[in-house]
Amino acid sequence: MTQVELKQSIMQRLDRMQPEQLAFLVSFLDTFETYFQSVSQSQLTAEKRHELVKSLQGKYAYTSTSSDDFARCKQDEIDWEERNQ
């Protein structure tokens, strides 16, 4: 998949997300960026790695990840793929 196709796929998925899902995604991306910057600047020391893991533990415990949500998302993806073939 090309970079343009990946970006289009991401944008289409974002358009289907509920506000709470978007808020979760923003929070996740913030955490990911922080982690990636730490790794790219230098290798994480064992202590920094431990601090990072501790900061993430339980951070997303409030989010729902029910099988119904998963099934609905998968069906949305299947529907989208069928429309765009």
Protein backbone atom coordinates (compact mmCIF):
# COMPACT_ATOMS: atom_id res chain seq x y z
CA MET A 1 0.00 0.00 0.00
CA THR A 2 1.39 3.41 -0.91
CA GLN A 3 1.74 6.29 1.52
CA VAL A 4 -1.19 8.08 -0.12
CA GLU A 5 -3.39 4.98 0.15
CA LEU A 6 -2.46 4.55 3.81
CA LYS A 7 -3.34 8.17 4.55
CA GLN A 8 -6.67 7.83 2.73
CA SER A 9 -7.47 4.67 4.67
CA ILE A 10 -6.67 6.41 7.96
CA MET A 11 -8.81 9.42 7.04
CA GLN A 12 -11.77 7.22 6.16
CA ARG A 13 -11.47 5.38 9.46
CA LEU A 14 -11.26 8.67 11.35
CA ASP A 15 -14.46 9.84 9.68
CA ARG A 16 -16.30 6.80 11.08
CA MET A 17 -15.05 7.19 14.67
CA GLN A 18 -17.11 8.42 17.57
CA PRO A 19 -15.83 11.43 19.59
CA GLU A 20 -14.66 9.23 22.49
CA GLN A 21 -12.71 7.05 20.07
CA LEU A 22 -11.05 10.11 18.57
CA ALA A 23 -10.12 11.38 22.06
CA PHE A 24 -8.61 8.01 22.86
CA LEU A 25 -6.64 8.05 19.61
CA VAL A 26 -5.24 11.52 20.32
CA SER A 27 -4.13 10.38 23.76
CA PHE A 28 -2.53 7.27 22.30
CA LEU A 29 -0.72 9.27 19.60
CA ASP A 30 0.63 11.68 22.23
CA THR A 31 2.01 8.73 24.19
CA PHE A 32 3.41 7.14 21.03
CA GLU A 33 5.15 10.36 19.98
CA THR A 34 6.71 10.77 23.42
CA TYR A 35 7.97 7.20 23.34
CA PHE A 36 9.26 7.45 19.77
CA GLN A 37 11.13 10.69 20.51
CA SER A 38 12.74 9.08 23.54
CA VAL A 39 13.87 6.10 21.49
CA SER A 40 15.11 8.16 18.55
CA GLN A 41 17.13 10.54 20.74
CA SER A 42 18.99 7.71 22.42
CA GLN A 43 18.47 4.14 23.52
CA LEU A 44 16.25 4.02 26.57
CA THR A 45 18.02 3.13 29.72
CA ALA A 46 16.48 0.39 31.82
CA GLU A 47 15.29 3.02 34.30
CA LYS A 48 13.65 5.20 31.63
CA ARG A 49 12.02 2.16 30.07
CA HIS A 50 10.64 1.18 33.49
CA GLU A 51 9.30 4.72 34.02
CA LEU A 52 7.63 4.68 30.62
CA VAL A 53 5.99 1.31 31.23
CA LYS A 54 4.77 2.43 34.66
CA SER A 55 3.31 5.63 33.18
CA LEU A 56 1.31 3.59 30.64
CA GLN A 57 -0.01 0.94 33.01
CA GLY A 58 -3.71 1.43 33.52
CA LYS A 59 -3.76 4.58 31.39
CA TYR A 60 -6.44 3.19 29.07
CA ALA A 61 -8.24 0.94 31.55
CA TYR A 62 -11.44 3.02 31.22
CA THR A 63 -11.81 2.36 27.50
CA SER A 64 -14.25 -0.23 26.33
CA THR A 65 -12.93 -2.98 24.10
CA SER A 66 -15.93 -5.21 23.90
CA SER A 67 -16.26 -7.91 21.29
CA ASP A 68 -19.34 -6.09 19.97
CA ASP A 69 -17.24 -2.96 19.31
CA PHE A 70 -14.60 -5.06 17.61
CA ALA A 71 -17.18 -6.89 15.47
CA ARG A 72 -18.80 -3.57 14.47
CA CYS A 73 -15.44 -2.10 13.42
CA LYS A 74 -14.54 -5.19 11.43
CA GLN A 75 -17.93 -5.11 9.67
CA ASP A 76 -17.38 -1.42 8.85
CA GLU A 77 -14.03 -2.32 7.30
CA ILE A 78 -15.57 -5.16 5.29
CA ASP A 79 -18.37 -2.90 4.06
CA TRP A 80 -15.86 -0.22 3.06
CA GLU A 81 -13.69 -2.74 1.18
CA GLU A 82 -16.71 -4.10 -0.69
CA ARG A 83 -17.76 -0.58 -1.72
CA ASN A 84 -14.26 0.31 -2.92
CA GLN A 85 -13.35 -2.77 -4.96
